[in-house]
Amino acid sequence: MAANPLPPPFITIEGIINARSVGGYSDPPTKPNLLYRCADPSRITPTGKIQLQALGISDVFDFRADDEIASYNTPAPDVAGITFHRVPVSEKRAFDPISLAARMEEFANDERGTFVRLNNEILESAGPAFQTVLRHMLDNPDKPCMVHCTIGKDRTGIFTALLLMLLGVPDKDIAAEYGLTSAALEPYAPLLIERFKQRVGNVEHDNWEGLSQMISSKPENMEAILQMVREKYGGAEGWVTTHTSLTSSDVELLRQNSR
């Protein structure tokens, strides 16, 4: 299914949805193309591989769990000159039908609260994965990288939000960046919903409202997540210095490199 090209910061990589660049803010000054983010790249086409190579990216970091990749049969593609790194945020996420149905029910009953709780769970397990990407950015300040999960929304979204928060980007801009995913996924929503329904299979579940909420990316949900990060961790730097090996000096260098 092909969708009409979206305006910048979205980029066209044939076979990959929700692909866009991150950066280019004026307050504080943030260099453009600081980071690239996208959904699962396993269906990239030959043309898409050329488009990806043209971005100058040499490293792509995959936040997905092994059982997730196996469940959807979406292994990393082979693209000349680009290394795909497996950095699972957690191997404990459940993708069995019963767990997926239960998660949909949670979203139907309390959308925002469920988003905040699930993102907190991501942050509690994401230290090693996020550390790997942040270290790469520190060691390669002039080489942009790409991060992704399955639809490029939650794990990819919280990493991007944490990075921007670390750099001092205002909450409203972080939330707006997160919200861009809605425009990217809208044309594919029927296919995504159908895929989730197939995964749930014969589990009895008549309320699909939770599924629509689960794949949504409302800016106000990200604002609530950012507030949780401040209240629980003292902000992005507090999370980074307690959940990774990065120090405050590393964080300051990352800020300097990102200008």
C-alpha atoms as a PDB file:
ATOM      1  CA  MET A   1       0.000   0.000   0.000  1.00  0.00           C
ATOM      2  CA  ALA A   2       1.568   3.299  -1.084  1.00  0.00           C
ATOM      3  CA  ALA A   3       0.761   6.598   0.556  1.00  0.00           C
ATOM      4  CA  ASN A   4       1.294  10.111  -0.722  1.00  0.00           C
ATOM      5  CA  PRO A   5       4.674  11.569   0.307  1.00  0.00           C
ATOM      6  CA  LEU A   6       4.546  13.576   3.524  1.00  0.00           C
ATOM      7  CA  PRO A   7       6.319  16.935   3.913  1.00  0.00           C
ATOM      8  CA  PRO A   8       9.568  17.341   5.863  1.00  0.00           C
ATOM      9  CA  PRO A   9      10.749  16.232   8.324  1.00  0.00           C
ATOM     10  CA  PHE A  10       9.382  13.046   6.731  1.00  0.00           C
ATOM     11  CA  ILE A  11      11.653  11.368   4.213  1.00  0.00           C
ATOM     12  CA  THR A  12      10.840   8.864   1.505  1.00  0.00           C
ATOM     13  CA  ILE A  13      12.412   5.432   1.858  1.00  0.00           C
ATOM     14  CA  GLU A  14      10.449   3.017  -0.284  1.00  0.00           C
ATOM     15  CA  GLY A  15       9.210   0.095   1.796  1.00  0.00           C
ATOM     16  CA  ILE A  16       9.617   1.852   5.162  1.00  0.00           C
ATOM     17  CA  ILE A  17       6.849   3.831   6.835  1.00  0.00           C
ATOM     18  CA  ASN A  18       7.066   6.619   9.408  1.00  0.00           C
ATOM     19  CA  ALA A  19      10.592   7.593   8.345  1.00  0.00           C
ATOM     20  CA  ARG A  20      11.707  11.075   9.292  1.00  0.00           C
ATOM     21  CA  SER A  21      14.610  13.176  10.482  1.00  0.00           C
ATOM     22  CA  VAL A  22      14.873  14.711  13.941  1.00  0.00           C
ATOM     23  CA  GLY A  23      16.530  18.030  14.732  1.00  0.00           C
ATOM     24  CA  GLY A  24      16.744  21.492  13.244  1.00  0.00           C
ATOM     25  CA  TYR A  25      15.283  23.324  16.247  1.00  0.00           C
ATOM     26  CA  SER A  26      16.123  26.967  16.825  1.00  0.00           C
ATOM     27  CA  ASP A  27      15.543  27.060  20.597  1.00  0.00           C
ATOM     28  CA  PRO A  28      17.888  25.658  21.631  1.00  0.00           C
ATOM     29  CA  PRO A  29      19.887  25.457  18.389  1.00  0.00           C
ATOM     30  CA  THR A  30      19.874  21.829  17.288  1.00  0.00           C
ATOM     31  CA  LYS A  31      21.508  20.672  14.089  1.00  0.00           C
ATOM     32  CA  PRO A  32      19.270  19.188  11.402  1.00  0.00           C
ATOM     33  CA  ASN A  33      19.280  15.448  10.766  1.00  0.00           C
ATOM     34  CA  LEU A  34      20.586  14.834  14.262  1.00  0.00           C
ATOM     35  CA  LEU A  35      18.845  11.465  14.191  1.00  0.00           C
ATOM     36  CA  TYR A  36      16.642   9.464  11.855  1.00  0.00           C
ATOM     37  CA  ARG A  37      13.715   7.369  13.034  1.00  0.00           C
ATOM     38  CA  CYS A  38      11.345   4.953  11.335  1.00  0.00           C
ATOM     39  CA  ALA A  39       9.206   1.840  11.587  1.00  0.00           C
ATOM     40  CA  ASP A  40      10.327  -1.726  10.864  1.00  0.00           C
ATOM     41  CA  PRO A  41      12.606  -1.631   7.769  1.00  0.00           C
ATOM     42  CA  SER A  42      12.300  -5.300   6.827  1.00  0.00           C
ATOM     43  CA  ARG A  43      10.171  -4.553   3.741  1.00  0.00           C
ATOM     44  CA  ILE A  44      12.553  -2.015   2.250  1.00  0.00           C
ATOM     45  CA  THR A  45      12.709  -2.220  -1.552  1.00  0.00           C
ATOM     46  CA  PRO A  46      15.809  -1.984  -3.771  1.00  0.00           C
ATOM     47  CA  THR A  47      14.904   1.664  -4.423  1.00  0.00           C
ATOM     48  CA  GLY A  48      14.475   2.188  -0.688  1.00  0.00           C
ATOM     49  CA  LYS A  49      17.951   0.807  -0.046  1.00  0.00           C
ATOM     50  CA  ILE A  50      19.421   3.405  -2.388  1.00  0.00           C
ATOM     51  CA  GLN A  51      17.411   6.136  -0.660  1.00  0.00           C
ATOM     52  CA  LEU A  52      18.606   4.953   2.763  1.00  0.00           C
ATOM     53  CA  GLN A  53      22.235   4.843   1.643  1.00  0.00           C
ATOM     54  CA  ALA A  54      21.919   8.386   0.265  1.00  0.00           C
ATOM     55  CA  LEU A  55      21.237   9.690   3.784  1.00  0.00           C
ATOM     56  CA  GLY A  56      24.794   8.865   4.816  1.00  0.00           C
ATOM     57  CA  ILE A  57      23.649   6.537   7.576  1.00  0.00           C
ATOM     58  CA  SER A  58      26.000   3.687   8.433  1.00  0.00           C
ATOM     59  CA  ASP A  59      24.311   2.385  11.586  1.00  0.00           C
ATOM     60  CA  VAL A  60      20.692   1.447  12.320  1.00  0.00           C
ATOM     61  CA  PHE A  61      19.611   0.445  15.829  1.00  0.00           C
ATOM     62  CA  ASP A  62      16.692  -1.954  16.290  1.00  0.00           C
ATOM     63  CA  PHE A  63      14.830  -1.729  19.621  1.00  0.00           C
ATOM     64  CA  ARG A  64      12.591  -4.759  18.990  1.00  0.00           C
ATOM     65  CA  ALA A  65      12.513  -7.969  21.025  1.00  0.00           C
ATOM     66  CA  ASP A  66      13.589 -11.260  19.463  1.00  0.00           C
ATOM     67  CA  ASP A  67      10.162 -12.863  19.846  1.00  0.00           C
ATOM     68  CA  GLU A  68       8.602  -9.809  18.214  1.00  0.00           C
ATOM     69  CA  ILE A  69      10.810 -10.186  15.147  1.00  0.00           C
ATOM     70  CA  ALA A  70      10.041 -13.900  15.034  1.00  0.00           C
ATOM     71  CA  SER A  71       6.290 -13.397  15.522  1.00  0.00           C
ATOM     72  CA  TYR A  72       6.002 -10.999  12.597  1.00  0.00           C
ATOM     73  CA  ASN A  73       8.824 -12.575  10.536  1.00  0.00           C
ATOM     74  CA  THR A  74      10.507  -9.195  10.064  1.00  0.00           C
ATOM     75  CA  PRO A  75      14.291  -9.657  10.234  1.00  0.00           C
ATOM     76  CA  ALA A  76      16.665  -6.818   9.453  1.00  0.00           C
ATOM     77  CA  PRO A  77      17.330  -6.285   5.744  1.00  0.00           C
ATOM     78  CA  ASP A  78      20.708  -6.498   4.072  1.00  0.00           C
ATOM     79  CA  VAL A  79      21.807  -3.046   2.889  1.00  0.00           C
ATOM     80  CA  ALA A  80      25.354  -2.525   1.632  1.00  0.00           C
ATOM     81  CA  GLY A  81      27.380  -0.175   3.813  1.00  0.00           C
ATOM     82  CA  ILE A  82      24.865  -0.148   6.663  1.00  0.00           C
ATOM     83  CA  THR A  83      25.106  -2.164   9.881  1.00  0.00           C
ATOM     84  CA  PHE A  84      21.888  -3.130  11.645  1.00  0.00           C
ATOM     85  CA  HIS A  85      22.434  -3.445  15.399  1.00  0.00           C
ATOM     86  CA  ARG A  86      20.152  -5.499  17.632  1.00  0.00           C
ATOM     87  CA  VAL A  87      19.593  -3.476  20.822  1.00  0.00           C
ATOM     88  CA  PRO A  88      16.330  -4.815  22.294  1.00  0.00           C
ATOM     89  CA  VAL A  89      14.773  -2.512  24.856  1.00  0.00           C
ATOM     90  CA  SER A  90      13.395  -5.585  26.590  1.00  0.00           C
ATOM     91  CA  GLU A  91      13.005  -9.266  25.831  1.00  0.00           C
ATOM     92  CA  LYS A  92      10.089  -9.497  28.268  1.00  0.00           C
ATOM     93  CA  ARG A  93       7.409  -7.825  26.162  1.00  0.00           C
ATOM     94  CA  ALA A  94       4.643 -10.315  25.458  1.00  0.00           C
ATOM     95  CA  PHE A  95       3.336 -10.646  21.912  1.00  0.00           C
ATOM     96  CA  ASP A  96       1.136 -13.679  22.455  1.00  0.00           C
ATOM     97  CA  PRO A  97      -2.583 -13.270  21.656  1.00  0.00           C
ATOM     98  CA  ILE A  98      -3.777 -13.171  25.274  1.00  0.00           C
ATOM     99  CA  SER A  99      -1.245 -10.494  26.264  1.00  0.00           C
ATOM    100  CA  LEU A 100      -2.079  -8.366  23.218  1.00  0.00           C
ATOM    101  CA  ALA A 101      -5.796  -8.592  23.975  1.00  0.00           C
ATOM    102  CA  ALA A 102      -5.186  -7.593  27.600  1.00  0.00           C
ATOM    103  CA  ARG A 103      -3.122  -4.611  26.487  1.00  0.00           C
ATOM    104  CA  MET A 104      -5.897  -3.446  24.163  1.00  0.00           C
ATOM    105  CA  GLU A 105      -8.339  -3.622  27.066  1.00  0.00           C
ATOM    106  CA  GLU A 106      -6.038  -1.437  29.179  1.00  0.00           C
ATOM    107  CA  PHE A 107      -5.876   1.191  26.449  1.00  0.00           C
ATOM    108  CA  ALA A 108      -9.648   1.148  26.037  1.00  0.00           C
ATOM    109  CA  ASN A 109     -10.152   1.739  29.766  1.00  0.00           C
ATOM    110  CA  ASP A 110      -7.412   4.320  30.429  1.00  0.00           C
ATOM    111  CA  GLU A 111      -5.551   5.504  27.350  1.00  0.00           C
ATOM    112  CA  ARG A 112      -3.286   8.163  28.852  1.00  0.00           C
ATOM    113  CA  GLY A 113      -2.564   6.293  32.052  1.00  0.00           C
ATOM    114  CA  THR A 114      -1.663   3.187  30.080  1.00  0.00           C
ATOM    115  CA  PHE A 115       0.681   5.153  27.808  1.00  0.00           C
ATOM    116  CA  VAL A 116       2.460   6.628  30.829  1.00  0.00           C
ATOM    117  CA  ARG A 117       2.743   3.262  32.568  1.00  0.00           C
ATOM    118  CA  LEU A 118       4.023   1.427  29.488  1.00  0.00           C
ATOM    119  CA  ASN A 119       6.590   4.135  28.729  1.00  0.00           C
ATOM    120  CA  ASN A 120       7.753   3.983  32.327  1.00  0.00           C
ATOM    121  CA  GLU A 121       8.212   0.231  31.870  1.00  0.00           C
ATOM    122  CA  ILE A 122      10.205   0.921  28.712  1.00  0.00           C
ATOM    123  CA  LEU A 123      12.462   3.358  30.561  1.00  0.00           C
ATOM    124  CA  GLU A 124      13.036   0.889  33.392  1.00  0.00           C
ATOM    125  CA  SER A 125      14.449  -1.693  30.972  1.00  0.00           C
ATOM    126  CA  ALA A 126      15.907   0.469  28.193  1.00  0.00           C
ATOM    127  CA  GLY A 127      19.167   1.525  29.844  1.00  0.00           C
ATOM    128  CA  PRO A 128      21.549  -0.791  27.928  1.00  0.00           C
ATOM    129  CA  ALA A 129      19.803  -0.236  24.578  1.00  0.00           C
ATOM    130  CA  PHE A 130      19.578   3.541  24.848  1.00  0.00           C
ATOM    131  CA  GLN A 131      23.126   3.722  26.218  1.00  0.00           C
ATOM    132  CA  THR A 132      24.408   1.983  23.086  1.00  0.00           C
ATOM    133  CA  VAL A 133      22.777   4.554  20.816  1.00  0.00           C
ATOM    134  CA  LEU A 134      23.794   7.544  22.925  1.00  0.00           C
ATOM    135  CA  ARG A 135      27.400   6.286  23.069  1.00  0.00           C
ATOM    136  CA  HIS A 136      27.373   5.900  19.306  1.00  0.00           C
ATOM    137  CA  MET A 137      26.162   9.483  18.951  1.00  0.00           C
ATOM    138  CA  LEU A 138      28.894  10.691  21.316  1.00  0.00           C
ATOM    139  CA  ASP A 139      31.617   8.795  19.460  1.00  0.00           C
ATOM    140  CA  ASN A 140      30.316   9.716  15.991  1.00  0.00           C
ATOM    141  CA  PRO A 141      29.029  13.299  16.229  1.00  0.00           C
ATOM    142  CA  ASP A 142      29.115  13.842  12.469  1.00  0.00           C
ATOM    143  CA  LYS A 143      27.533  10.518  11.485  1.00  0.00           C
ATOM    144  CA  PRO A 144      23.755  10.415  11.903  1.00  0.00           C
ATOM    145  CA  CYS A 145      22.209   7.097  12.838  1.00  0.00           C
ATOM    146  CA  MET A 146      18.698   5.666  12.667  1.00  0.00           C
ATOM    147  CA  VAL A 147      16.554   4.047  15.360  1.00  0.00           C
ATOM    148  CA  HIS A 148      13.420   1.981  14.935  1.00  0.00           C
ATOM    149  CA  CYS A 149      11.013  -0.473  16.538  1.00  0.00           C
ATOM    150  CA  THR A 150       7.932  -2.031  14.911  1.00  0.00           C
ATOM    151  CA  ILE A 151       5.816   0.974  13.962  1.00  0.00           C
ATOM    152  CA  GLY A 152       8.305   3.613  15.106  1.00  0.00           C
ATOM    153  CA  LYS A 153       6.108   4.987  17.860  1.00  0.00           C
ATOM    154  CA  ASP A 154       6.657   3.864  21.463  1.00  0.00           C
ATOM    155  CA  ARG A 155      10.244   2.683  21.995  1.00  0.00           C
ATOM    156  CA  THR A 156      11.473   4.861  19.141  1.00  0.00           C
ATOM    157  CA  GLY A 157       9.273   7.691  20.384  1.00  0.00           C
ATOM    158  CA  ILE A 158      10.470   7.628  23.986  1.00  0.00           C
ATOM    159  CA  PHE A 159      14.131   7.444  22.897  1.00  0.00           C
ATOM    160  CA  THR A 160      13.637  10.450  20.625  1.00  0.00           C
ATOM    161  CA  ALA A 161      11.742  12.343  23.318  1.00  0.00           C
ATOM    162  CA  LEU A 162      14.399  11.565  25.929  1.00  0.00           C
ATOM    163  CA  LEU A 163      17.153  12.759  23.582  1.00  0.00           C
ATOM    164  CA  LEU A 164      15.354  16.007  22.782  1.00  0.00           C
ATOM    165  CA  MET A 165      14.525  16.559  26.455  1.00  0.00           C
ATOM    166  CA  LEU A 166      18.203  16.021  27.251  1.00  0.00           C
ATOM    167  CA  LEU A 167      19.104  18.729  24.719  1.00  0.00           C
ATOM    168  CA  GLY A 168      16.649  21.207  26.234  1.00  0.00           C
ATOM    169  CA  VAL A 169      14.036  21.167  23.471  1.00  0.00           C
ATOM    170  CA  PRO A 170      10.721  22.511  24.862  1.00  0.00           C
ATOM    171  CA  ASP A 171       8.011  20.024  25.773  1.00  0.00           C
ATOM    172  CA  LYS A 172       5.624  21.424  23.179  1.00  0.00           C
ATOM    173  CA  ASP A 173       8.120  20.717  20.399  1.00  0.00           C
ATOM    174  CA  ILE A 174       8.879  17.226  21.710  1.00  0.00           C
ATOM    175  CA  ALA A 175       5.167  16.434  21.913  1.00  0.00           C
ATOM    176  CA  ALA A 176       4.588  17.819  18.415  1.00  0.00           C
ATOM    177  CA  GLU A 177       7.426  15.679  17.037  1.00  0.00           C
ATOM    178  CA  TYR A 178       5.877  12.604  18.645  1.00  0.00           C
ATOM    179  CA  GLY A 179       2.492  13.519  17.199  1.00  0.00           C
ATOM    180  CA  LEU A 180       3.863  13.424  13.647  1.00  0.00           C
ATOM    181  CA  THR A 181       3.571   9.657  13.796  1.00  0.00           C
ATOM    182  CA  SER A 182      -0.220   9.986  13.525  1.00  0.00           C
ATOM    183  CA  ALA A 183       0.062  11.437  10.022  1.00  0.00           C
ATOM    184  CA  ALA A 184       2.551   8.750   9.018  1.00  0.00           C
ATOM    185  CA  LEU A 185       0.484   5.822  10.270  1.00  0.00           C
ATOM    186  CA  GLU A 186      -2.972   7.038   9.269  1.00  0.00           C
ATOM    187  CA  PRO A 187      -2.875   5.580   5.722  1.00  0.00           C
ATOM    188  CA  TYR A 188      -1.710   2.245   7.129  1.00  0.00           C
ATOM    189  CA  ALA A 189      -4.017   2.069  10.162  1.00  0.00           C
ATOM    190  CA  PRO A 190      -6.407  -0.482   8.584  1.00  0.00           C
ATOM    191  CA  LEU A 191      -3.493  -2.774   7.743  1.00  0.00           C
ATOM    192  CA  LEU A 192      -1.940  -2.371  11.199  1.00  0.00           C
ATOM    193  CA  ILE A 193      -5.248  -3.082  12.887  1.00  0.00           C
ATOM    194  CA  GLU A 194      -5.798  -6.145  10.720  1.00  0.00           C
ATOM    195  CA  ARG A 195      -2.328  -7.441  11.562  1.00  0.00           C
ATOM    196  CA  PHE A 196      -2.983  -7.036  15.289  1.00  0.00           C
ATOM    197  CA  LYS A 197      -6.341  -8.780  14.904  1.00  0.00           C
ATOM    198  CA  GLN A 198      -4.618 -11.693  13.214  1.00  0.00           C
ATOM    199  CA  ARG A 199      -2.156 -11.904  16.100  1.00  0.00           C
ATOM    200  CA  VAL A 200      -4.965 -11.913  18.666  1.00  0.00           C
ATOM    201  CA  GLY A 201      -6.559 -14.698  16.633  1.00  0.00           C
ATOM    202  CA  ASN A 202      -9.410 -16.522  18.296  1.00  0.00           C
ATOM    203  CA  VAL A 203      -9.052 -14.762  21.647  1.00  0.00           C
ATOM    204  CA  GLU A 204     -12.474 -13.384  22.481  1.00  0.00           C
ATOM    205  CA  HIS A 205     -12.230  -9.605  22.257  1.00  0.00           C
ATOM    206  CA  ASP A 206     -15.006  -7.440  20.888  1.00  0.00           C
ATOM    207  CA  ASN A 207     -13.726  -3.991  21.880  1.00  0.00           C
ATOM    208  CA  TRP A 208     -11.262  -2.843  19.219  1.00  0.00           C
ATOM    209  CA  GLU A 209     -11.303   0.766  20.421  1.00  0.00           C
ATOM    210  CA  GLY A 210      -8.282   0.011  22.573  1.00  0.00           C
ATOM    211  CA  LEU A 211      -6.328  -1.076  19.504  1.00  0.00           C
ATOM    212  CA  SER A 212      -6.935   2.245  17.757  1.00  0.00           C
ATOM    213  CA  GLN A 213      -5.782   4.036  20.899  1.00  0.00           C
ATOM    214  CA  MET A 214      -2.767   1.768  21.212  1.00  0.00           C
ATOM    215  CA  ILE A 215      -1.429   2.818  17.797  1.00  0.00           C
ATOM    216  CA  SER A 216      -2.256   6.504  18.311  1.00  0.00           C
ATOM    217  CA  SER A 217       0.402   9.144  19.041  1.00  0.00           C
ATOM    218  CA  LYS A 218      -1.369  12.085  20.634  1.00  0.00           C
ATOM    219  CA  PRO A 219       0.887  14.977  21.698  1.00  0.00           C
ATOM    220  CA  GLU A 220      -0.907  15.256  25.043  1.00  0.00           C
ATOM    221  CA  ASN A 221       0.084  11.678  25.867  1.00  0.00           C
ATOM    222  CA  MET A 222       3.740  12.552  25.311  1.00  0.00           C
ATOM    223  CA  GLU A 223       3.334  15.634  27.506  1.00  0.00           C
ATOM    224  CA  ALA A 224       2.111  13.353  30.293  1.00  0.00           C
ATOM    225  CA  ILE A 225       5.080  11.038  29.729  1.00  0.00           C
ATOM    226  CA  LEU A 226       7.541  13.947  29.940  1.00  0.00           C
ATOM    227  CA  GLN A 227       5.937  15.009  33.211  1.00  0.00           C
ATOM    228  CA  MET A 228       6.394  11.469  34.520  1.00  0.00           C
ATOM    229  CA  VAL A 229      10.083  11.581  33.549  1.00  0.00           C
ATOM    230  CA  ARG A 230      10.530  14.783  35.547  1.00  0.00           C
ATOM    231  CA  GLU A 231       8.629  13.547  38.576  1.00  0.00           C
ATOM    232  CA  LYS A 232      10.234  10.104  38.763  1.00  0.00           C
ATOM    233  CA  TYR A 233      13.746  10.669  37.407  1.00  0.00           C
ATOM    234  CA  GLY A 234      14.318  14.396  37.820  1.00  0.00           C
ATOM    235  CA  GLY A 235      14.333  14.838  34.049  1.00  0.00           C
ATOM    236  CA  ALA A 236      16.119  13.226  31.128  1.00  0.00           C
ATOM    237  CA  GLU A 237      19.614  13.768  32.528  1.00  0.00           C
ATOM    238  CA  GLY A 238      18.544  12.151  35.781  1.00  0.00           C
ATOM    239  CA  TRP A 239      17.369   9.086  33.888  1.00  0.00           C
ATOM    240  CA  VAL A 240      20.495   8.910  31.725  1.00  0.00           C
ATOM    241  CA  THR A 241      22.964   9.216  34.609  1.00  0.00           C
ATOM    242  CA  THR A 242      21.181   6.555  36.682  1.00  0.00           C
ATOM    243  CA  HIS A 243      20.218   4.053  33.970  1.00  0.00           C
ATOM    244  CA  THR A 244      23.293   4.235  31.709  1.00  0.00           C
ATOM    245  CA  SER A 245      27.042   4.668  32.157  1.00  0.00           C
ATOM    246  CA  LEU A 246      26.917   8.198  30.727  1.00  0.00           C
ATOM    247  CA  THR A 247      27.990  10.977  33.080  1.00  0.00           C
ATOM    248  CA  SER A 248      26.875  14.589  33.288  1.00  0.00           C
ATOM    249  CA  SER A 249      30.039  15.471  31.337  1.00  0.00           C
ATOM    250  CA  ASP A 250      28.981  13.052  28.599  1.00  0.00           C
ATOM    251  CA  VAL A 251      25.548  14.661  28.518  1.00  0.00           C
ATOM    252  CA  GLU A 252      27.090  18.115  28.155  1.00  0.00           C
ATOM    253  CA  LEU A 253      29.315  16.889  25.311  1.00  0.00           C
ATOM    254  CA  LEU A 254      26.275  15.387  23.614  1.00  0.00           C
ATOM    255  CA  ARG A 255      24.566  18.773  23.859  1.00  0.00           C
ATOM    256  CA  GLN A 256      27.577  20.529  22.355  1.00  0.00           C
ATOM    257  CA  ASN A 257      27.808  17.998  19.532  1.00  0.00           C
ATOM    258  CA  SER A 258      24.115  18.449  18.758  1.00  0.00           C
ATOM    259  CA  ARG A 259      24.309  22.196  18.112  1.00  0.00           C
END
